[in-house]
Amino acid sequence: MKVYGAAGVADDVKIAALPRVVIGSYSREGIDAAVLDLEPVNETAGFLQSGILGGNFLRHYRVVFDFGRSIVRFESLEADPNPKTGPVPEIRSRQ
């Protein structure tokens, strides 16, 4: 697989099947993940990143950025979200 990103193009990227990805109280099962060397991304960004959420996860949510409060909120786009997921998760940035 070829991946295009802010740090350039990566060829022959391996894919790993993740059984479950959890963000706050939301989760998705059976997510494919690109296995990338994030060092070039970290150099370009100027800060450490441990991973990148892709469209195969994010497409299930409306993502709301509250820059004033340093919060990212995920709102499910599913008509009947799983009641076990609880309230809309908010993720605060580390300052």
Protein backbone atom coordinates (compact mmCIF):
# COMPACT_ATOMS: atom_id res chain seq x y z
CA MET A 1 0.00 0.00 0.00
CA LYS A 2 1.17 3.55 -0.71
CA VAL A 3 0.48 6.24 1.91
CA TYR A 4 0.50 9.99 1.25
CA GLY A 5 0.92 12.35 4.18
CA ALA A 6 2.39 15.57 5.48
CA ALA A 7 5.85 14.01 5.73
CA GLY A 8 5.80 12.69 2.15
CA VAL A 9 5.01 9.38 0.48
CA ALA A 10 5.64 5.94 2.00
CA ASP A 11 5.73 2.95 -0.36
CA ASP A 12 5.07 -0.71 0.47
CA VAL A 13 3.40 0.09 3.79
CA LYS A 14 2.33 -2.97 5.78
CA ILE A 15 -1.22 -3.27 7.12
CA ALA A 16 -2.10 -4.66 10.55
CA ALA A 17 -5.62 -5.76 11.51
CA LEU A 18 -6.50 -4.25 14.88
CA PRO A 19 -9.19 -6.19 16.74
CA ARG A 20 -10.44 -3.02 18.48
CA VAL A 21 -9.65 0.71 18.60
CA VAL A 22 -10.92 2.66 21.63
CA ILE A 23 -11.08 6.47 21.92
CA GLY A 24 -12.71 7.72 25.10
CA SER A 25 -15.85 5.64 25.50
CA TYR A 26 -16.26 4.86 21.78
CA SER A 27 -14.77 1.88 20.02
CA ARG A 28 -14.65 0.29 16.58
CA GLU A 29 -13.81 -3.32 15.82
CA GLY A 30 -11.91 -4.77 12.89
CA ILE A 31 -9.91 -1.67 11.93
CA ASP A 32 -7.05 -1.96 9.45
CA ALA A 33 -4.02 0.14 10.40
CA ALA A 34 -1.07 1.24 8.30
CA VAL A 35 2.22 0.45 10.05
CA LEU A 36 4.29 3.59 9.61
CA ASP A 37 7.58 4.99 10.84
CA LEU A 38 6.30 8.22 12.45
CA GLU A 39 9.77 9.73 12.94
CA PRO A 40 9.55 11.83 9.72
CA VAL A 41 6.04 12.95 10.73
CA ASN A 42 7.26 13.91 14.21
CA GLU A 43 10.17 15.86 12.72
CA THR A 44 7.84 17.75 10.39
CA ALA A 45 5.25 18.42 13.11
CA GLY A 46 7.78 19.33 15.78
CA PHE A 47 6.12 17.16 18.44
CA LEU A 48 5.77 13.45 19.27
CA GLN A 49 2.89 11.55 17.69
CA SER A 50 2.21 7.94 18.64
CA GLY A 51 -0.37 7.27 15.93
CA ILE A 52 -2.72 8.79 13.40
CA LEU A 53 -6.45 8.13 13.29
CA GLY A 54 -7.53 7.39 9.74
CA GLY A 55 -10.72 7.82 7.79
CA ASN A 56 -11.74 4.19 8.37
CA PHE A 57 -12.22 5.13 12.06
CA LEU A 58 -13.17 8.82 11.80
CA ARG A 59 -15.88 8.33 9.16
CA HIS A 60 -18.19 7.03 11.90
CA TYR A 61 -18.03 10.30 13.86
CA ARG A 62 -18.45 14.04 13.61
CA VAL A 63 -15.22 15.41 15.07
CA VAL A 64 -15.55 18.73 16.89
CA PHE A 65 -12.50 20.78 17.87
CA ASP A 66 -12.94 23.22 20.76
CA PHE A 67 -9.63 25.06 20.58
CA GLY A 68 -10.49 27.42 23.44
CA ARG A 69 -10.94 24.53 25.86
CA SER A 70 -8.34 22.22 24.21
CA ILE A 71 -10.97 19.53 23.63
CA VAL A 72 -11.67 17.18 20.75
CA ARG A 73 -15.17 15.68 20.86
CA PHE A 74 -16.43 12.68 18.85
CA GLU A 75 -20.16 12.53 18.04
CA SER A 76 -21.45 9.25 16.62
CA LEU A 77 -23.04 9.45 13.17
CA GLU A 78 -24.88 6.18 13.73
CA ALA A 79 -28.65 6.53 14.12
CA ASP A 80 -28.70 4.19 17.12
CA PRO A 81 -25.26 4.23 18.77
CA ASN A 82 -24.46 1.44 21.17
CA PRO A 83 -25.87 2.52 24.58
CA LYS A 84 -22.86 0.94 26.29
CA THR A 85 -20.58 3.62 24.86
CA GLY A 86 -21.87 6.22 27.32
CA PRO A 87 -21.59 9.98 26.85
CA VAL A 88 -19.80 11.66 23.98
CA PRO A 89 -16.10 11.32 24.72
CA GLU A 90 -13.98 14.42 25.07
CA ILE A 91 -10.22 14.23 24.80
CA ARG A 92 -8.21 17.05 26.35
CA SER A 93 -4.83 17.95 24.96
CA ARG A 94 -1.79 17.85 27.20
CA GLN A 95 -0.50 21.39 27.65
